[in-house]
Amino acid sequence: MTTPDKPKPPRKKPQRPAKPAEPREKATLHPRNKHQGRYDFPKLIKSSPELAEFVILNPYGKESIDFANPLAVRVFNRALLKAFYGIAHWDIPADYLCPPIPGRADYLHFLADLLASDNEGVIPRGAAVKALDVGTGANCIYPLLGHSDYGWHFVGSEIDKVAIASATTIVKANGLHKAISVRQQADRKHILLGLLDSQERFDLSLCNPPFHASLDEAQRGSQRKWRALGKADPKRKLPVLNFGGQSQELWCEGGEIGFVSQLIKESAQLPDQVLWYSTLVSKASNLPPIQSALKKAGALEVRVVEMGQGQKQSRFVAWTFQSPAQQQAWRQRWI
């Protein structure tokens, strides 16, 4: 008696190498942020043709740009500013800080929420709202975004003459000189003192402080970011500092805590000139000494606002020396 042959198992098809799994980004951008989801690169290129040569496919097969190329980042920012904010003319000198726009926009949107929280939920808009951008940089990014989204008027401060010239050129080229002005802080030992006229009043101030205490620390931080992005290719020459940046933009004596402590100290000497002072804080571990400095300075109210862009977590601290009654009187200026 013979037994029937067993059926042969089906031949397996050769497996193609799988694409790397694309990381899922947290949907943490502010709801009003214009940079939700993926960018429509064909649309951006149609508006800014120069962007075409910098578009690449990332490891997940999606269109992107090479963030290791400073020129690509600059051209990308120019395209975003034109497409989303109506800024037709924007450029910065080589090696100056080229900021990631979505995160900068988030800071402004959360500041708008801060003003609204004490204004029956209504965001004050238009020229009645005055903002002080401490260290506006050559890019002038906060005044450009804040004026476009909310119509606020800005004064940007700077110590670097090249940055002042660049920011002023951007403002004039876009016909924004009535809404945005840039002035020099002549004394490098001070941030606010000597900058403001005694009669000036600002509804808010914002600041992106130098994060590092030295050039070496800034370079090490940049190298860690490249490794995290998977760009640590020994054959490839990468920028020493991602997104560029001059010394005063990236590091100062005492690092972030030193700069913010000085800002707090000077704000206490000008308690009636700004309704809400604020600053970004790069590390959560820096919050305790900053909050201690605010308590010592006599701030009447302090708020810590957490933000996030993709996998990155950030925050800002806001404080005021105005009592609730004084805040109520201040808001009458917005009507």
C-alpha atoms as a PDB file:
ATOM      1  CA  MET A   1       0.000   0.000   0.000  1.00  0.00           C
ATOM      2  CA  THR A   2       1.426   3.359  -1.012  1.00  0.00           C
ATOM      3  CA  THR A   3       0.862   6.593   0.799  1.00  0.00           C
ATOM      4  CA  PRO A   4       0.042   9.711  -1.166  1.00  0.00           C
ATOM      5  CA  ASP A   5       2.790  12.300  -1.477  1.00  0.00           C
ATOM      6  CA  LYS A   6       2.476  15.147   0.962  1.00  0.00           C
ATOM      7  CA  PRO A   7       1.718  18.450  -0.747  1.00  0.00           C
ATOM      8  CA  LYS A   8       4.760  20.657  -0.981  1.00  0.00           C
ATOM      9  CA  PRO A   9       4.539  23.846   1.044  1.00  0.00           C
ATOM     10  CA  PRO A  10       4.061  26.954  -1.110  1.00  0.00           C
ATOM     11  CA  ARG A  11       7.284  28.617  -2.106  1.00  0.00           C
ATOM     12  CA  LYS A  12       7.857  31.778  -0.135  1.00  0.00           C
ATOM     13  CA  LYS A  13       8.326  34.949  -2.086  1.00  0.00           C
ATOM     14  CA  PRO A  14      11.577  36.731  -1.385  1.00  0.00           C
ATOM     15  CA  GLN A  15      11.034  39.447   1.198  1.00  0.00           C
ATOM     16  CA  ARG A  16      11.813  42.997   0.222  1.00  0.00           C
ATOM     17  CA  PRO A  17      13.644  45.016   2.825  1.00  0.00           C
ATOM     18  CA  ALA A  18      11.047  46.898   4.803  1.00  0.00           C
ATOM     19  CA  LYS A  19      11.132  50.654   4.942  1.00  0.00           C
ATOM     20  CA  PRO A  20      12.030  51.954   8.374  1.00  0.00           C
ATOM     21  CA  ALA A  21       8.952  52.586  10.450  1.00  0.00           C
ATOM     22  CA  GLU A  22       8.197  56.264  10.412  1.00  0.00           C
ATOM     23  CA  PRO A  23       8.085  57.724  13.900  1.00  0.00           C
ATOM     24  CA  ARG A  24       4.684  58.971  14.943  1.00  0.00           C
ATOM     25  CA  GLU A  25       4.833  62.613  15.880  1.00  0.00           C
ATOM     26  CA  LYS A  26       2.791  63.866  18.759  1.00  0.00           C
ATOM     27  CA  ALA A  27       0.123  66.297  17.608  1.00  0.00           C
ATOM     28  CA  THR A  28       1.250  68.921  20.077  1.00  0.00           C
ATOM     29  CA  LEU A  29       1.475  72.100  18.030  1.00  0.00           C
ATOM     30  CA  HIS A  30      -0.857  74.846  19.174  1.00  0.00           C
ATOM     31  CA  PRO A  31      -4.286  74.513  17.488  1.00  0.00           C
ATOM     32  CA  ARG A  32      -3.834  77.890  15.754  1.00  0.00           C
ATOM     33  CA  ASN A  33      -0.372  76.999  14.478  1.00  0.00           C
ATOM     34  CA  LYS A  34      -0.373  77.049  10.659  1.00  0.00           C
ATOM     35  CA  HIS A  35       2.233  74.295  10.422  1.00  0.00           C
ATOM     36  CA  GLN A  36       0.115  71.255  11.253  1.00  0.00           C
ATOM     37  CA  GLY A  37       0.803  68.034   9.368  1.00  0.00           C
ATOM     38  CA  ARG A  38       3.066  67.688   6.339  1.00  0.00           C
ATOM     39  CA  TYR A  39       4.026  70.502   4.034  1.00  0.00           C
ATOM     40  CA  ASP A  40       2.684  70.618   0.497  1.00  0.00           C
ATOM     41  CA  PHE A  41       6.059  70.920  -1.233  1.00  0.00           C
ATOM     42  CA  PRO A  42       4.680  71.266  -4.799  1.00  0.00           C
ATOM     43  CA  LYS A  43       2.606  74.212  -3.576  1.00  0.00           C
ATOM     44  CA  LEU A  44       5.564  75.746  -1.751  1.00  0.00           C
ATOM     45  CA  ILE A  45       7.780  75.326  -4.813  1.00  0.00           C
ATOM     46  CA  LYS A  46       5.164  76.959  -7.021  1.00  0.00           C
ATOM     47  CA  SER A  47       5.298  80.023  -4.775  1.00  0.00           C
ATOM     48  CA  SER A  48       9.098  79.845  -4.211  1.00  0.00           C
ATOM     49  CA  PRO A  49      10.768  78.020  -7.152  1.00  0.00           C
ATOM     50  CA  GLU A  50      14.238  78.233  -5.564  1.00  0.00           C
ATOM     51  CA  LEU A  51      13.123  75.664  -2.988  1.00  0.00           C
ATOM     52  CA  ALA A  52      12.954  72.884  -5.604  1.00  0.00           C
ATOM     53  CA  GLU A  53      16.690  72.110  -5.610  1.00  0.00           C
ATOM     54  CA  PHE A  54      16.683  71.543  -1.838  1.00  0.00           C
ATOM     55  CA  VAL A  55      13.794  69.074  -1.571  1.00  0.00           C
ATOM     56  CA  ILE A  56      14.880  65.498  -0.795  1.00  0.00           C
ATOM     57  CA  LEU A  57      13.250  62.200   0.150  1.00  0.00           C
ATOM     58  CA  ASN A  58      13.845  61.333   3.781  1.00  0.00           C
ATOM     59  CA  PRO A  59      14.513  57.704   4.911  1.00  0.00           C
ATOM     60  CA  TYR A  60      10.747  57.145   5.088  1.00  0.00           C
ATOM     61  CA  GLY A  61      10.192  58.128   1.456  1.00  0.00           C
ATOM     62  CA  LYS A  62       8.582  61.468   2.319  1.00  0.00           C
ATOM     63  CA  GLU A  63       9.477  64.842   0.845  1.00  0.00           C
ATOM     64  CA  SER A  64      11.551  66.989   3.165  1.00  0.00           C
ATOM     65  CA  ILE A  65      14.631  69.176   3.094  1.00  0.00           C
ATOM     66  CA  ASP A  66      18.145  68.512   4.285  1.00  0.00           C
ATOM     67  CA  PHE A  67      18.282  70.238   7.662  1.00  0.00           C
ATOM     68  CA  ALA A  68      22.059  69.705   7.711  1.00  0.00           C
ATOM     69  CA  ASN A  69      22.361  72.240   4.885  1.00  0.00           C
ATOM     70  CA  PRO A  70      22.176  75.808   6.250  1.00  0.00           C
ATOM     71  CA  LEU A  71      21.302  77.229   2.827  1.00  0.00           C
ATOM     72  CA  ALA A  72      18.438  74.737   2.469  1.00  0.00           C
ATOM     73  CA  VAL A  73      17.045  75.753   5.860  1.00  0.00           C
ATOM     74  CA  ARG A  74      17.271  79.428   4.944  1.00  0.00           C
ATOM     75  CA  VAL A  75      15.495  78.952   1.612  1.00  0.00           C
ATOM     76  CA  PHE A  76      12.858  76.759   3.311  1.00  0.00           C
ATOM     77  CA  ASN A  77      12.173  79.463   5.903  1.00  0.00           C
ATOM     78  CA  ARG A  78      11.874  82.052   3.153  1.00  0.00           C
ATOM     79  CA  ALA A  79       9.287  79.884   1.384  1.00  0.00           C
ATOM     80  CA  LEU A  80       7.293  79.324   4.610  1.00  0.00           C
ATOM     81  CA  LEU A  81       7.262  83.020   5.461  1.00  0.00           C
ATOM     82  CA  LYS A  82       6.038  83.881   1.991  1.00  0.00           C
ATOM     83  CA  ALA A  83       3.376  81.155   1.789  1.00  0.00           C
ATOM     84  CA  PHE A  84       1.982  81.374   5.336  1.00  0.00           C
ATOM     85  CA  TYR A  85       2.676  84.929   6.489  1.00  0.00           C
ATOM     86  CA  GLY A  86       2.848  87.102   3.385  1.00  0.00           C
ATOM     87  CA  ILE A  87       6.501  88.025   3.949  1.00  0.00           C
ATOM     88  CA  ALA A  88       7.804  88.536   0.408  1.00  0.00           C
ATOM     89  CA  HIS A  89      11.379  89.510   1.288  1.00  0.00           C
ATOM     90  CA  TRP A  90      13.422  87.691   3.909  1.00  0.00           C
ATOM     91  CA  ASP A  91      17.083  86.769   4.204  1.00  0.00           C
ATOM     92  CA  ILE A  92      19.779  86.733   6.878  1.00  0.00           C
ATOM     93  CA  PRO A  93      23.575  86.991   6.809  1.00  0.00           C
ATOM     94  CA  ALA A  94      25.530  83.744   6.640  1.00  0.00           C
ATOM     95  CA  ASP A  95      26.136  82.039  10.002  1.00  0.00           C
ATOM     96  CA  TYR A  96      23.360  83.898  11.831  1.00  0.00           C
ATOM     97  CA  LEU A  97      20.611  81.982  13.613  1.00  0.00           C
ATOM     98  CA  CYS A  98      17.999  80.567  11.223  1.00  0.00           C
ATOM     99  CA  PRO A  99      15.069  79.643  13.469  1.00  0.00           C
ATOM    100  CA  PRO A 100      12.606  76.746  13.030  1.00  0.00           C
ATOM    101  CA  ILE A 101       9.373  78.629  12.371  1.00  0.00           C
ATOM    102  CA  PRO A 102       6.716  76.247  13.824  1.00  0.00           C
ATOM    103  CA  GLY A 103       8.195  76.422  17.321  1.00  0.00           C
ATOM    104  CA  ARG A 104       8.547  80.196  17.155  1.00  0.00           C
ATOM    105  CA  ALA A 105       4.903  80.477  16.100  1.00  0.00           C
ATOM    106  CA  ASP A 106       3.809  78.292  19.030  1.00  0.00           C
ATOM    107  CA  TYR A 107       5.403  80.659  21.561  1.00  0.00           C
ATOM    108  CA  LEU A 108       3.401  83.562  20.103  1.00  0.00           C
ATOM    109  CA  HIS A 109       0.118  81.629  20.055  1.00  0.00           C
ATOM    110  CA  PHE A 110       0.479  80.631  23.694  1.00  0.00           C
ATOM    111  CA  LEU A 111       1.332  84.234  24.594  1.00  0.00           C
ATOM    112  CA  ALA A 112      -1.883  85.275  22.828  1.00  0.00           C
ATOM    113  CA  ASP A 113      -3.732  82.770  25.012  1.00  0.00           C
ATOM    114  CA  LEU A 114      -2.068  84.281  28.077  1.00  0.00           C
ATOM    115  CA  LEU A 115      -3.417  87.738  27.200  1.00  0.00           C
ATOM    116  CA  ALA A 116      -6.836  86.237  26.422  1.00  0.00           C
ATOM    117  CA  SER A 117      -7.017  84.381  29.745  1.00  0.00           C
ATOM    118  CA  ASP A 118      -7.399  87.695  31.564  1.00  0.00           C
ATOM    119  CA  ASN A 119      -9.568  89.256  28.847  1.00  0.00           C
ATOM    120  CA  GLU A 120     -12.704  87.064  29.022  1.00  0.00           C
ATOM    121  CA  GLY A 121     -11.118  84.609  26.603  1.00  0.00           C
ATOM    122  CA  VAL A 122     -10.751  87.170  23.825  1.00  0.00           C
ATOM    123  CA  ILE A 123      -7.333  87.566  22.204  1.00  0.00           C
ATOM    124  CA  PRO A 124      -6.496  91.268  21.915  1.00  0.00           C
ATOM    125  CA  ARG A 125      -5.477  92.086  18.359  1.00  0.00           C
ATOM    126  CA  GLY A 126      -4.211  95.029  16.384  1.00  0.00           C
ATOM    127  CA  ALA A 127      -1.902  97.971  16.944  1.00  0.00           C
ATOM    128  CA  ALA A 128      -3.125  98.570  20.507  1.00  0.00           C
ATOM    129  CA  VAL A 129      -1.073  95.550  21.632  1.00  0.00           C
ATOM    130  CA  LYS A 130       2.628  96.344  22.008  1.00  0.00           C
ATOM    131  CA  ALA A 131       5.242  93.605  22.318  1.00  0.00           C
ATOM    132  CA  LEU A 132       8.947  93.763  23.151  1.00  0.00           C
ATOM    133  CA  ASP A 133      11.139  91.099  21.513  1.00  0.00           C
ATOM    134  CA  VAL A 134      14.335  90.838  23.574  1.00  0.00           C
ATOM    135  CA  GLY A 135      17.150  89.795  21.229  1.00  0.00           C
ATOM    136  CA  THR A 136      15.213  89.874  17.975  1.00  0.00           C
ATOM    137  CA  GLY A 137      18.195  88.617  15.976  1.00  0.00           C
ATOM    138  CA  ALA A 138      19.038  89.099  12.320  1.00  0.00           C
ATOM    139  CA  ASN A 139      15.937  87.056  11.425  1.00  0.00           C
ATOM    140  CA  CYS A 140      13.352  89.288  13.200  1.00  0.00           C
ATOM    141  CA  ILE A 141      11.120  86.224  13.250  1.00  0.00           C
ATOM    142  CA  TYR A 142       8.872  86.921  16.252  1.00  0.00           C
ATOM    143  CA  PRO A 143       7.773  90.406  15.110  1.00  0.00           C
ATOM    144  CA  LEU A 144       7.083  89.094  11.597  1.00  0.00           C
ATOM    145  CA  LEU A 145       4.905  86.218  12.818  1.00  0.00           C
ATOM    146  CA  GLY A 146       3.222  88.158  15.607  1.00  0.00           C
ATOM    147  CA  HIS A 147       2.264  91.050  13.379  1.00  0.00           C
ATOM    148  CA  SER A 148       1.016  88.743  10.612  1.00  0.00           C
ATOM    149  CA  ASP A 149      -1.123  86.574  12.901  1.00  0.00           C
ATOM    150  CA  TYR A 150      -2.383  89.150  15.397  1.00  0.00           C
ATOM    151  CA  GLY A 151      -1.595  92.616  14.057  1.00  0.00           C
ATOM    152  CA  TRP A 152       0.493  93.419  17.149  1.00  0.00           C
ATOM    153  CA  HIS A 153       3.157  96.128  17.018  1.00  0.00           C
ATOM    154  CA  PHE A 154       6.695  95.223  18.030  1.00  0.00           C
ATOM    155  CA  VAL A 155       9.944  96.710  19.224  1.00  0.00           C
ATOM    156  CA  GLY A 156      12.904  94.367  18.777  1.00  0.00           C
ATOM    157  CA  SER A 157      16.087  94.858  20.791  1.00  0.00           C
ATOM    158  CA  GLU A 158      19.578  93.788  19.772  1.00  0.00           C
ATOM    159  CA  ILE A 159      23.232  94.307  20.711  1.00  0.00           C
ATOM    160  CA  ASP A 160      24.708  93.140  17.399  1.00  0.00           C
ATOM    161  CA  LYS A 161      24.919  95.854  14.701  1.00  0.00           C
ATOM    162  CA  VAL A 162      24.900  93.339  11.819  1.00  0.00           C
ATOM    163  CA  ALA A 163      21.746  91.736  13.216  1.00  0.00           C
ATOM    164  CA  ILE A 164      20.115  95.159  13.609  1.00  0.00           C
ATOM    165  CA  ALA A 165      20.930  96.060   9.997  1.00  0.00           C
ATOM    166  CA  SER A 166      19.547  92.725   8.765  1.00  0.00           C
ATOM    167  CA  ALA A 167      16.318  92.945  10.786  1.00  0.00           C
ATOM    168  CA  THR A 168      15.794  96.573   9.744  1.00  0.00           C
ATOM    169  CA  THR A 169      16.262  95.650   6.083  1.00  0.00           C
ATOM    170  CA  ILE A 170      13.647  92.885   6.373  1.00  0.00           C
ATOM    171  CA  VAL A 171      11.164  95.251   8.028  1.00  0.00           C
ATOM    172  CA  LYS A 172      11.608  97.984   5.421  1.00  0.00           C
ATOM    173  CA  ALA A 173      11.583  95.572   2.463  1.00  0.00           C
ATOM    174  CA  ASN A 174       8.153  94.326   3.554  1.00  0.00           C
ATOM    175  CA  GLY A 175       6.727  97.774   4.292  1.00  0.00           C
ATOM    176  CA  LEU A 176       6.353  97.023   8.015  1.00  0.00           C
ATOM    177  CA  HIS A 177       8.268  99.996   9.426  1.00  0.00           C
ATOM    178  CA  LYS A 178       5.105 101.428  11.025  1.00  0.00           C
ATOM    179  CA  ALA A 179       4.446  98.188  12.908  1.00  0.00           C
ATOM    180  CA  ILE A 180       7.960  96.943  13.726  1.00  0.00           C
ATOM    181  CA  SER A 181      11.034  98.835  14.886  1.00  0.00           C
ATOM    182  CA  VAL A 182      14.471  97.599  15.937  1.00  0.00           C
ATOM    183  CA  ARG A 183      16.725  99.364  18.414  1.00  0.00           C
ATOM    184  CA  GLN A 184      20.155  98.726  19.866  1.00  0.00           C
ATOM    185  CA  GLN A 185      20.929  97.899  23.463  1.00  0.00           C
ATOM    186  CA  ALA A 186      24.165  99.852  23.686  1.00  0.00           C
ATOM    187  CA  ASP A 187      25.250  98.471  27.063  1.00  0.00           C
ATOM    188  CA  ARG A 188      26.165  94.790  26.814  1.00  0.00           C
ATOM    189  CA  LYS A 189      25.947  94.470  30.599  1.00  0.00           C
ATOM    190  CA  HIS A 190      22.208  95.136  30.503  1.00  0.00           C
ATOM    191  CA  ILE A 191      19.158  93.618  28.819  1.00  0.00           C
ATOM    192  CA  LEU A 192      16.301  96.035  29.587  1.00  0.00           C
ATOM    193  CA  LEU A 193      17.883  98.911  31.483  1.00  0.00           C
ATOM    194  CA  GLY A 194      18.732 101.836  29.236  1.00  0.00           C
ATOM    195  CA  LEU A 195      16.666 100.352  26.397  1.00  0.00           C
ATOM    196  CA  LEU A 196      13.179 101.673  27.132  1.00  0.00           C
ATOM    197  CA  ASP A 197      11.816 105.174  27.404  1.00  0.00           C
ATOM    198  CA  SER A 198      10.249 105.744  30.826  1.00  0.00           C
ATOM    199  CA  GLN A 199       6.855 106.420  29.224  1.00  0.00           C
ATOM    200  CA  GLU A 200       6.785 103.249  27.106  1.00  0.00           C
ATOM    201  CA  ARG A 201       4.384 100.434  27.982  1.00  0.00           C
ATOM    202  CA  PHE A 202       4.363  96.909  26.551  1.00  0.00           C
ATOM    203  CA  ASP A 203       1.637  94.329  26.974  1.00  0.00           C
ATOM    204  CA  LEU A 204       4.161  91.524  26.786  1.00  0.00           C
ATOM    205  CA  SER A 205       7.819  90.795  26.276  1.00  0.00           C
ATOM    206  CA  LEU A 206       9.299  87.635  24.803  1.00  0.00           C
ATOM    207  CA  CYS A 207      12.801  86.257  24.715  1.00  0.00           C
ATOM    208  CA  ASN A 208      14.716  83.325  23.266  1.00  0.00           C
ATOM    209  CA  PRO A 209      17.762  83.447  25.559  1.00  0.00           C
ATOM    210  CA  PRO A 210      21.233  82.064  24.844  1.00  0.00           C
ATOM    211  CA  PHE A 211      21.009  78.449  26.013  1.00  0.00           C
ATOM    212  CA  HIS A 212      24.696  77.687  26.538  1.00  0.00           C
ATOM    213  CA  ALA A 213      27.486  78.929  28.781  1.00  0.00           C
ATOM    214  CA  SER A 214      30.299  78.578  26.205  1.00  0.00           C
ATOM    215  CA  LEU A 215      31.061  77.887  22.541  1.00  0.00           C
ATOM    216  CA  ASP A 216      32.265  74.389  23.424  1.00  0.00           C
ATOM    217  CA  GLU A 217      28.988  73.603  25.165  1.00  0.00           C
ATOM    218  CA  ALA A 218      27.022  74.885  22.158  1.00  0.00           C
ATOM    219  CA  GLN A 219      29.050  72.697  19.781  1.00  0.00           C
ATOM    220  CA  ARG A 220      28.549  69.597  21.934  1.00  0.00           C
ATOM    221  CA  GLY A 221      24.825  70.264  22.048  1.00  0.00           C
ATOM    222  CA  SER A 222      24.716  70.575  18.277  1.00  0.00           C
ATOM    223  CA  GLN A 223      26.597  67.282  17.833  1.00  0.00           C
ATOM    224  CA  ARG A 224      24.093  65.497  20.091  1.00  0.00           C
ATOM    225  CA  LYS A 225      21.263  66.798  17.916  1.00  0.00           C
ATOM    226  CA  TRP A 226      22.915  65.509  14.744  1.00  0.00           C
ATOM    227  CA  ARG A 227      23.362  62.066  16.287  1.00  0.00           C
ATOM    228  CA  ALA A 228      19.717  62.038  17.347  1.00  0.00           C
ATOM    229  CA  LEU A 229      18.714  62.909  13.789  1.00  0.00           C
ATOM    230  CA  GLY A 230      20.829  60.072  12.413  1.00  0.00           C
ATOM    231  CA  LYS A 231      23.105  62.467  10.578  1.00  0.00           C
ATOM    232  CA  ALA A 232      26.371  61.574  12.269  1.00  0.00           C
ATOM    233  CA  ASP A 233      28.038  60.459   9.008  1.00  0.00           C
ATOM    234  CA  PRO A 234      31.835  60.627   9.496  1.00  0.00           C
ATOM    235  CA  LYS A 235      32.323  61.160   5.746  1.00  0.00           C
ATOM    236  CA  ARG A 236      30.089  64.186   5.678  1.00  0.00           C
ATOM    237  CA  LYS A 237      31.045  67.642   6.825  1.00  0.00           C
ATOM    238  CA  LEU A 238      28.231  68.932   8.974  1.00  0.00           C
ATOM    239  CA  PRO A 239      27.728  72.456  10.297  1.00  0.00           C
ATOM    240  CA  VAL A 240      29.425  73.111  13.620  1.00  0.00           C
ATOM    241  CA  LEU A 241      26.181  74.650  14.850  1.00  0.00           C
ATOM    242  CA  ASN A 242      22.827  73.531  13.503  1.00  0.00           C
ATOM    243  CA  PHE A 243      20.642  76.433  12.308  1.00  0.00           C
ATOM    244  CA  GLY A 244      23.679  78.717  12.605  1.00  0.00           C
ATOM    245  CA  GLY A 245      24.103  81.321  15.280  1.00  0.00           C
ATOM    246  CA  GLN A 246      26.524  83.963  16.497  1.00  0.00           C
ATOM    247  CA  SER A 247      28.056  83.950  19.964  1.00  0.00           C
ATOM    248  CA  GLN A 248      25.498  86.283  21.531  1.00  0.00           C
ATOM    249  CA  GLU A 249      22.666  84.193  20.060  1.00  0.00           C
ATOM    250  CA  LEU A 250      23.821  80.866  21.465  1.00  0.00           C
ATOM    251  CA  TRP A 251      25.883  81.332  24.596  1.00  0.00           C
ATOM    252  CA  CYS A 252      26.673  83.807  27.345  1.00  0.00           C
ATOM    253  CA  GLU A 253      28.382  83.834  30.702  1.00  0.00           C
ATOM    254  CA  GLY A 254      26.268  81.809  33.109  1.00  0.00           C
ATOM    255  CA  GLY A 255      24.289  80.203  30.282  1.00  0.00           C
ATOM    256  CA  GLU A 256      20.518  80.273  30.222  1.00  0.00           C
ATOM    257  CA  ILE A 257      20.091  80.563  33.995  1.00  0.00           C
ATOM    258  CA  GLY A 258      22.547  83.445  34.120  1.00  0.00           C
ATOM    259  CA  PHE A 259      20.802  85.352  31.320  1.00  0.00           C
ATOM    260  CA  VAL A 260      17.264  84.757  32.599  1.00  0.00           C
ATOM    261  CA  SER A 261      18.266  85.683  36.152  1.00  0.00           C
ATOM    262  CA  GLN A 262      19.598  88.992  34.834  1.00  0.00           C
ATOM    263  CA  LEU A 263      16.396  89.517  32.837  1.00  0.00           C
ATOM    264  CA  ILE A 264      14.302  88.903  35.965  1.00  0.00           C
ATOM    265  CA  LYS A 265      16.455  91.243  38.046  1.00  0.00           C
ATOM    266  CA  GLU A 266      16.078  94.059  35.511  1.00  0.00           C
ATOM    267  CA  SER A 267      12.343  93.429  35.020  1.00  0.00           C
ATOM    268  CA  ALA A 268      11.863  94.025  38.759  1.00  0.00           C
ATOM    269  CA  GLN A 269      13.387  97.472  38.259  1.00  0.00           C
ATOM    270  CA  LEU A 270      10.825  98.188  35.516  1.00  0.00           C
ATOM    271  CA  PRO A 271       7.692  96.617  37.056  1.00  0.00           C
ATOM    272  CA  ASP A 272       5.198  99.013  35.467  1.00  0.00           C
ATOM    273  CA  GLN A 273       6.485  99.018  31.885  1.00  0.00           C
ATOM    274  CA  VAL A 274       5.491  95.498  30.840  1.00  0.00           C
ATOM    275  CA  LEU A 275       2.279  93.683  31.759  1.00  0.00           C
ATOM    276  CA  TRP A 276       3.640  90.162  31.159  1.00  0.00           C
ATOM    277  CA  TYR A 277       7.355  89.474  30.935  1.00  0.00           C
ATOM    278  CA  SER A 278       8.261  86.074  29.468  1.00  0.00           C
ATOM    279  CA  THR A 279      11.163  83.932  28.321  1.00  0.00           C
ATOM    280  CA  LEU A 280      11.690  80.513  26.816  1.00  0.00           C
ATOM    281  CA  VAL A 281      13.385  77.971  29.091  1.00  0.00           C
ATOM    282  CA  SER A 282      15.193  75.160  27.277  1.00  0.00           C
ATOM    283  CA  LYS A 283      15.520  72.677  30.153  1.00  0.00           C
ATOM    284  CA  ALA A 284      12.942  71.755  32.772  1.00  0.00           C
ATOM    285  CA  SER A 285      15.804  71.411  35.260  1.00  0.00           C
ATOM    286  CA  ASN A 286      16.378  75.179  34.958  1.00  0.00           C
ATOM    287  CA  LEU A 287      12.873  75.985  36.218  1.00  0.00           C
ATOM    288  CA  PRO A 288      13.509  75.744  40.012  1.00  0.00           C
ATOM    289  CA  PRO A 289      16.295  78.390  40.114  1.00  0.00           C
ATOM    290  CA  ILE A 290      14.309  80.618  37.740  1.00  0.00           C
ATOM    291  CA  GLN A 291      11.175  80.328  39.893  1.00  0.00           C
ATOM    292  CA  SER A 292      13.273  81.066  42.966  1.00  0.00           C
ATOM    293  CA  ALA A 293      14.652  84.205  41.288  1.00  0.00           C
ATOM    294  CA  LEU A 294      11.116  85.322  40.405  1.00  0.00           C
ATOM    295  CA  LYS A 295       9.971  84.893  44.014  1.00  0.00           C
ATOM    296  CA  LYS A 296      12.959  86.895  45.231  1.00  0.00           C
ATOM    297  CA  ALA A 297      12.220  89.618  42.643  1.00  0.00           C
ATOM    298  CA  GLY A 298       8.664  89.988  43.963  1.00  0.00           C
ATOM    299  CA  ALA A 299       6.705  88.769  40.941  1.00  0.00           C
ATOM    300  CA  LEU A 300       3.006  88.733  41.886  1.00  0.00           C
ATOM    301  CA  GLU A 301       2.013  86.018  39.430  1.00  0.00           C
ATOM    302  CA  VAL A 302       4.089  83.397  37.587  1.00  0.00           C
ATOM    303  CA  ARG A 303       2.918  80.991  34.906  1.00  0.00           C
ATOM    304  CA  VAL A 304       4.840  78.100  33.343  1.00  0.00           C
ATOM    305  CA  VAL A 305       3.429  77.132  29.954  1.00  0.00           C
ATOM    306  CA  GLU A 306       4.468  73.786  28.460  1.00  0.00           C
ATOM    307  CA  MET A 307       4.735  73.456  24.681  1.00  0.00           C
ATOM    308  CA  GLY A 308       5.723  70.658  22.338  1.00  0.00           C
ATOM    309  CA  GLN A 309       6.693  70.292  18.693  1.00  0.00           C
ATOM    310  CA  GLY A 310       6.801  66.679  17.490  1.00  0.00           C
ATOM    311  CA  GLN A 311       9.104  64.810  19.852  1.00  0.00           C
ATOM    312  CA  LYS A 312      10.505  67.998  21.379  1.00  0.00           C
ATOM    313  CA  GLN A 313       9.236  69.466  24.634  1.00  0.00           C
ATOM    314  CA  SER A 314       9.726  73.141  25.447  1.00  0.00           C
ATOM    315  CA  ARG A 315       8.255  75.759  27.737  1.00  0.00           C
ATOM    316  CA  PHE A 316       8.191  79.397  28.647  1.00  0.00           C
ATOM    317  CA  VAL A 317       7.852  81.251  31.929  1.00  0.00           C
ATOM    318  CA  ALA A 318       5.728  84.403  32.191  1.00  0.00           C
ATOM    319  CA  TRP A 319       5.533  86.757  35.152  1.00  0.00           C
ATOM    320  CA  THR A 320       3.921  90.035  36.113  1.00  0.00           C
ATOM    321  CA  PHE A 321       4.339  92.659  38.823  1.00  0.00           C
ATOM    322  CA  GLN A 322       0.792  93.933  38.277  1.00  0.00           C
ATOM    323  CA  SER A 323      -1.961  93.188  40.783  1.00  0.00           C
ATOM    324  CA  PRO A 324      -5.342  91.900  39.494  1.00  0.00           C
ATOM    325  CA  ALA A 325      -6.767  95.427  39.769  1.00  0.00           C
ATOM    326  CA  GLN A 326      -3.829  96.891  37.875  1.00  0.00           C
ATOM    327  CA  GLN A 327      -4.160  94.209  35.209  1.00  0.00           C
ATOM    328  CA  GLN A 328      -7.831  95.080  34.814  1.00  0.00           C
ATOM    329  CA  ALA A 329      -6.992  98.765  34.349  1.00  0.00           C
ATOM    330  CA  TRP A 330      -4.220  97.870  31.891  1.00  0.00           C
ATOM    331  CA  ARG A 331      -6.615  95.921  29.670  1.00  0.00           C
ATOM    332  CA  GLN A 332      -8.727  99.026  29.095  1.00  0.00           C
ATOM    333  CA  ARG A 333      -6.042 100.128  26.636  1.00  0.00           C
ATOM    334  CA  TRP A 334      -7.044  97.294  24.300  1.00  0.00           C
ATOM    335  CA  ILE A 335     -10.628  98.483  23.906  1.00  0.00           C
END
